[in-house]
Amino acid sequence: MSTTRALLVGRRRGRAVGLVVGFAGVVALALVAAFVAESAGATAAAALTDRLLPLLVFYAPGPLAAAGAYARCGGPACLTVGVVPAVVLGGFVLLGTVVGVPGVNGGNPALGDVTVSFAAIGQTSAFVGYCAGVTAVLVVDVLGFGGDGGDETDGGEGDADEE
């Protein structure tokens, strides 16, 4: 499989799924921890989650998408990382509204705007990170170090750890 195809479509599906699902799990865990800390009134935990949530929502998609591109997880997986925080937030609010958790108000019209804003910011960050990762892969290939898994030597069939 050529480098271009590996970067665009992806070569390692297991790693790509792990990237997206793992990031979704971390965001969900941080969101639940923030909610529980806020509900319990724990100021130390609330202060930690107040710093952790913006890091995960706004800053993490870019570097994760870059790492995913460098690992040849493919464009779809890398760009999906950008919308993960918005989807997790929307799911959390929807679930909390359906179950009737106090403090979770799904009827707030501004919530949809916040979710769309999170998705737009995360998608932009993931796109920039993906472009940076692709650039890094191409620079490493041009300079001749790093290794692409032997695409040219095995007739384009990919490497041994392909899933």
C-alpha atoms as a PDB file:
ATOM      1  CA  MET A   1       0.000   0.000   0.000  1.00  0.00           C
ATOM      2  CA  SER A   2       1.424   3.353  -0.934  1.00  0.00           C
ATOM      3  CA  THR A   3       2.170   6.020   1.623  1.00  0.00           C
ATOM      4  CA  THR A   4      -0.496   8.301   0.199  1.00  0.00           C
ATOM      5  CA  ARG A   5      -3.194   5.648   0.428  1.00  0.00           C
ATOM      6  CA  ALA A   6      -2.093   4.729   3.955  1.00  0.00           C
ATOM      7  CA  LEU A   7      -2.334   8.374   5.008  1.00  0.00           C
ATOM      8  CA  LEU A   8      -5.706   9.006   3.393  1.00  0.00           C
ATOM      9  CA  VAL A   9      -7.570   5.751   3.980  1.00  0.00           C
ATOM     10  CA  GLY A  10      -5.535   4.242   6.760  1.00  0.00           C
ATOM     11  CA  ARG A  11      -3.625   1.052   7.162  1.00  0.00           C
ATOM     12  CA  ARG A  12      -4.089   0.174  10.812  1.00  0.00           C
ATOM     13  CA  ARG A  13      -7.789  -0.093  11.600  1.00  0.00           C
ATOM     14  CA  GLY A  14      -7.293  -1.456  15.099  1.00  0.00           C
ATOM     15  CA  ARG A  15      -5.067   1.441  16.016  1.00  0.00           C
ATOM     16  CA  ALA A  16      -7.507   3.912  14.428  1.00  0.00           C
ATOM     17  CA  VAL A  17     -10.477   2.518  16.348  1.00  0.00           C
ATOM     18  CA  GLY A  18      -8.400   2.536  19.529  1.00  0.00           C
ATOM     19  CA  LEU A  19      -7.513   6.175  18.942  1.00  0.00           C
ATOM     20  CA  VAL A  20     -11.123   7.294  18.542  1.00  0.00           C
ATOM     21  CA  VAL A  21     -12.719   5.049  21.169  1.00  0.00           C
ATOM     22  CA  GLY A  22      -9.929   5.640  23.676  1.00  0.00           C
ATOM     23  CA  PHE A  23     -10.208   9.399  23.307  1.00  0.00           C
ATOM     24  CA  ALA A  24     -13.996   9.184  23.662  1.00  0.00           C
ATOM     25  CA  GLY A  25     -13.543   7.173  26.860  1.00  0.00           C
ATOM     26  CA  VAL A  26     -11.109   9.677  28.329  1.00  0.00           C
ATOM     27  CA  VAL A  27     -13.400  12.613  27.489  1.00  0.00           C
ATOM     28  CA  ALA A  28     -16.436  10.809  28.926  1.00  0.00           C
ATOM     29  CA  LEU A  29     -14.557   9.919  32.094  1.00  0.00           C
ATOM     30  CA  ALA A  30     -13.374  13.508  32.544  1.00  0.00           C
ATOM     31  CA  LEU A  31     -16.887  14.838  31.919  1.00  0.00           C
ATOM     32  CA  VAL A  32     -18.440  12.467  34.450  1.00  0.00           C
ATOM     33  CA  ALA A  33     -15.701  13.272  36.965  1.00  0.00           C
ATOM     34  CA  ALA A  34     -16.314  16.992  36.479  1.00  0.00           C
ATOM     35  CA  PHE A  35     -20.046  16.542  36.984  1.00  0.00           C
ATOM     36  CA  VAL A  36     -19.618  14.406  40.100  1.00  0.00           C
ATOM     37  CA  ALA A  37     -17.023  16.790  41.560  1.00  0.00           C
ATOM     38  CA  GLU A  38     -19.269  19.763  40.889  1.00  0.00           C
ATOM     39  CA  SER A  39     -22.306  17.992  42.386  1.00  0.00           C
ATOM     40  CA  ALA A  40     -20.378  16.894  45.478  1.00  0.00           C
ATOM     41  CA  GLY A  41     -18.868  20.320  45.980  1.00  0.00           C
ATOM     42  CA  ALA A  42     -15.298  19.030  45.996  1.00  0.00           C
ATOM     43  CA  THR A  43     -13.324  22.156  45.207  1.00  0.00           C
ATOM     44  CA  ALA A  44      -9.984  20.430  44.584  1.00  0.00           C
ATOM     45  CA  ALA A  45     -11.488  17.937  42.142  1.00  0.00           C
ATOM     46  CA  ALA A  46     -13.568  20.648  40.493  1.00  0.00           C
ATOM     47  CA  ALA A  47     -10.461  22.795  40.014  1.00  0.00           C
ATOM     48  CA  LEU A  48      -8.636  19.871  38.418  1.00  0.00           C
ATOM     49  CA  THR A  49     -11.480  19.079  36.051  1.00  0.00           C
ATOM     50  CA  ASP A  50     -11.892  22.768  35.213  1.00  0.00           C
ATOM     51  CA  ARG A  51      -8.371  22.616  33.811  1.00  0.00           C
ATOM     52  CA  LEU A  52      -8.595  19.128  32.339  1.00  0.00           C
ATOM     53  CA  LEU A  53     -11.830  19.486  30.366  1.00  0.00           C
ATOM     54  CA  PRO A  54     -10.733  22.472  28.250  1.00  0.00           C
ATOM     55  CA  LEU A  55      -7.447  20.695  27.575  1.00  0.00           C
ATOM     56  CA  LEU A  56      -9.281  17.624  26.291  1.00  0.00           C
ATOM     57  CA  VAL A  57     -11.987  19.501  24.404  1.00  0.00           C
ATOM     58  CA  PHE A  58      -9.964  22.217  22.711  1.00  0.00           C
ATOM     59  CA  TYR A  59      -6.305  21.226  22.639  1.00  0.00           C
ATOM     60  CA  ALA A  60      -6.094  17.420  22.504  1.00  0.00           C
ATOM     61  CA  PRO A  61      -7.726  16.746  19.087  1.00  0.00           C
ATOM     62  CA  GLY A  62      -4.880  18.397  17.153  1.00  0.00           C
ATOM     63  CA  PRO A  63      -1.972  16.429  18.611  1.00  0.00           C
ATOM     64  CA  LEU A  64      -4.015  13.215  18.609  1.00  0.00           C
ATOM     65  CA  ALA A  65      -4.854  13.672  14.927  1.00  0.00           C
ATOM     66  CA  ALA A  66      -1.186  14.367  14.177  1.00  0.00           C
ATOM     67  CA  ALA A  67      -0.138  11.219  16.015  1.00  0.00           C
ATOM     68  CA  GLY A  68      -2.847   9.266  14.211  1.00  0.00           C
ATOM     69  CA  ALA A  69      -1.673  10.530  10.842  1.00  0.00           C
ATOM     70  CA  TYR A  70       1.914   9.666  11.676  1.00  0.00           C
ATOM     71  CA  ALA A  71       0.781   6.176  12.722  1.00  0.00           C
ATOM     72  CA  ARG A  72      -1.107   5.920   9.405  1.00  0.00           C
ATOM     73  CA  CYS A  73      -4.543   5.513  10.980  1.00  0.00           C
ATOM     74  CA  GLY A  74      -6.131   7.357   8.064  1.00  0.00           C
ATOM     75  CA  GLY A  75      -7.903  10.637   7.533  1.00  0.00           C
ATOM     76  CA  PRO A  76     -11.364   9.530   8.653  1.00  0.00           C
ATOM     77  CA  ALA A  77     -10.138   8.357  12.057  1.00  0.00           C
ATOM     78  CA  CYS A  78      -7.976  11.429  12.571  1.00  0.00           C
ATOM     79  CA  LEU A  79     -10.785  13.808  11.688  1.00  0.00           C
ATOM     80  CA  THR A  80     -13.284  11.885  13.814  1.00  0.00           C
ATOM     81  CA  VAL A  81     -11.138  12.702  16.837  1.00  0.00           C
ATOM     82  CA  GLY A  82     -12.189  16.327  16.340  1.00  0.00           C
ATOM     83  CA  VAL A  83     -15.891  15.716  16.863  1.00  0.00           C
ATOM     84  CA  VAL A  84     -15.496  13.269  19.759  1.00  0.00           C
ATOM     85  CA  PRO A  85     -15.787  15.920  22.534  1.00  0.00           C
ATOM     86  CA  ALA A  86     -18.978  17.358  21.020  1.00  0.00           C
ATOM     87  CA  VAL A  87     -20.554  13.919  20.575  1.00  0.00           C
ATOM     88  CA  VAL A  88     -19.655  12.884  24.129  1.00  0.00           C
ATOM     89  CA  LEU A  89     -21.037  16.147  25.537  1.00  0.00           C
ATOM     90  CA  GLY A  90     -24.244  15.805  23.527  1.00  0.00           C
ATOM     91  CA  GLY A  91     -24.646  12.176  24.603  1.00  0.00           C
ATOM     92  CA  PHE A  92     -24.018  13.065  28.240  1.00  0.00           C
ATOM     93  CA  VAL A  93     -26.642  15.811  28.191  1.00  0.00           C
ATOM     94  CA  LEU A  94     -29.142  13.659  26.286  1.00  0.00           C
ATOM     95  CA  LEU A  95     -28.688  10.763  28.691  1.00  0.00           C
ATOM     96  CA  GLY A  96     -28.892  13.057  31.713  1.00  0.00           C
ATOM     97  CA  THR A  97     -32.072  14.659  30.394  1.00  0.00           C
ATOM     98  CA  VAL A  98     -33.753  11.327  29.620  1.00  0.00           C
ATOM     99  CA  VAL A  99     -32.807   9.799  32.965  1.00  0.00           C
ATOM    100  CA  GLY A 100     -33.640  13.000  34.835  1.00  0.00           C
ATOM    101  CA  VAL A 101     -30.309  13.781  36.453  1.00  0.00           C
ATOM    102  CA  PRO A 102     -30.544  17.053  38.391  1.00  0.00           C
ATOM    103  CA  GLY A 103     -28.241  19.721  37.033  1.00  0.00           C
ATOM    104  CA  VAL A 104     -28.293  18.400  33.467  1.00  0.00           C
ATOM    105  CA  ASN A 105     -30.675  20.498  31.413  1.00  0.00           C
ATOM    106  CA  GLY A 106     -31.112  19.351  27.832  1.00  0.00           C
ATOM    107  CA  GLY A 107     -33.884  21.871  27.216  1.00  0.00           C
ATOM    108  CA  ASN A 108     -31.465  24.779  27.151  1.00  0.00           C
ATOM    109  CA  PRO A 109     -31.407  26.139  23.586  1.00  0.00           C
ATOM    110  CA  ALA A 110     -27.830  27.402  23.961  1.00  0.00           C
ATOM    111  CA  LEU A 111     -26.634  23.834  24.529  1.00  0.00           C
ATOM    112  CA  GLY A 112     -27.007  23.010  20.846  1.00  0.00           C
ATOM    113  CA  ASP A 113     -24.904  26.038  19.964  1.00  0.00           C
ATOM    114  CA  VAL A 114     -22.231  24.985  22.454  1.00  0.00           C
ATOM    115  CA  THR A 115     -22.158  21.457  21.046  1.00  0.00           C
ATOM    116  CA  VAL A 116     -21.841  22.727  17.476  1.00  0.00           C
ATOM    117  CA  SER A 117     -19.101  25.140  18.583  1.00  0.00           C
ATOM    118  CA  PHE A 118     -17.189  22.310  20.282  1.00  0.00           C
ATOM    119  CA  ALA A 119     -17.490  20.260  17.097  1.00  0.00           C
ATOM    120  CA  ALA A 120     -16.257  23.121  14.903  1.00  0.00           C
ATOM    121  CA  ILE A 121     -13.294  23.907  17.140  1.00  0.00           C
ATOM    122  CA  GLY A 122     -12.354  20.253  17.534  1.00  0.00           C
ATOM    123  CA  GLN A 123     -12.713  19.561  13.814  1.00  0.00           C
ATOM    124  CA  THR A 124     -10.515  22.531  12.946  1.00  0.00           C
ATOM    125  CA  SER A 125      -7.904  21.426  15.458  1.00  0.00           C
ATOM    126  CA  ALA A 126      -8.008  17.841  14.183  1.00  0.00           C
ATOM    127  CA  PHE A 127      -7.661  18.981  10.565  1.00  0.00           C
ATOM    128  CA  VAL A 128      -4.613  21.097  11.365  1.00  0.00           C
ATOM    129  CA  GLY A 129      -3.117  18.250  13.397  1.00  0.00           C
ATOM    130  CA  TYR A 130      -3.808  15.750  10.600  1.00  0.00           C
ATOM    131  CA  CYS A 131      -2.090  18.031   8.082  1.00  0.00           C
ATOM    132  CA  ALA A 132       0.896  18.365  10.418  1.00  0.00           C
ATOM    133  CA  GLY A 133       1.095  14.582  10.841  1.00  0.00           C
ATOM    134  CA  VAL A 134       0.892  13.990   7.090  1.00  0.00           C
ATOM    135  CA  THR A 135       3.615  16.570   6.552  1.00  0.00           C
ATOM    136  CA  ALA A 136       5.796  14.864   9.141  1.00  0.00           C
ATOM    137  CA  VAL A 137       5.329  11.469   7.465  1.00  0.00           C
ATOM    138  CA  LEU A 138       6.176  12.851   4.041  1.00  0.00           C
ATOM    139  CA  VAL A 139       9.256  14.690   5.339  1.00  0.00           C
ATOM    140  CA  VAL A 140      10.481  11.546   7.095  1.00  0.00           C
ATOM    141  CA  ASP A 141       9.928   9.511   3.909  1.00  0.00           C
ATOM    142  CA  VAL A 142      11.755  12.062   1.754  1.00  0.00           C
ATOM    143  CA  LEU A 143      14.696  12.212   4.143  1.00  0.00           C
ATOM    144  CA  GLY A 144      14.869   8.421   4.084  1.00  0.00           C
ATOM    145  CA  PHE A 145      14.689   7.577   7.758  1.00  0.00           C
ATOM    146  CA  GLY A 146      11.762   6.303   9.735  1.00  0.00           C
ATOM    147  CA  GLY A 147      10.570   3.540   7.499  1.00  0.00           C
ATOM    148  CA  ASP A 148       7.201   3.037   5.986  1.00  0.00           C
ATOM    149  CA  GLY A 149       6.844  -0.644   6.714  1.00  0.00           C
ATOM    150  CA  GLY A 150       8.468  -1.760   3.477  1.00  0.00           C
ATOM    151  CA  ASP A 151       5.808  -0.683   0.998  1.00  0.00           C
ATOM    152  CA  GLU A 152       8.192  -0.697  -1.949  1.00  0.00           C
ATOM    153  CA  THR A 153       9.795  -4.049  -1.195  1.00  0.00           C
ATOM    154  CA  ASP A 154       6.671  -6.167  -0.824  1.00  0.00           C
ATOM    155  CA  GLY A 155       4.763  -5.035  -3.858  1.00  0.00           C
ATOM    156  CA  GLY A 156       2.549  -2.558  -2.052  1.00  0.00           C
ATOM    157  CA  GLU A 157       0.776  -5.132   0.117  1.00  0.00           C
ATOM    158  CA  GLY A 158       1.431  -3.321   3.404  1.00  0.00           C
ATOM    159  CA  ASP A 159       3.378  -4.368   6.462  1.00  0.00           C
ATOM    160  CA  ALA A 160       3.107  -7.401   8.700  1.00  0.00           C
ATOM    161  CA  ASP A 161       1.141  -5.661  11.469  1.00  0.00           C
ATOM    162  CA  GLU A 162      -1.671  -4.694   9.134  1.00  0.00           C
ATOM    163  CA  GLU A 163      -5.041  -5.628  10.576  1.00  0.00           C
END
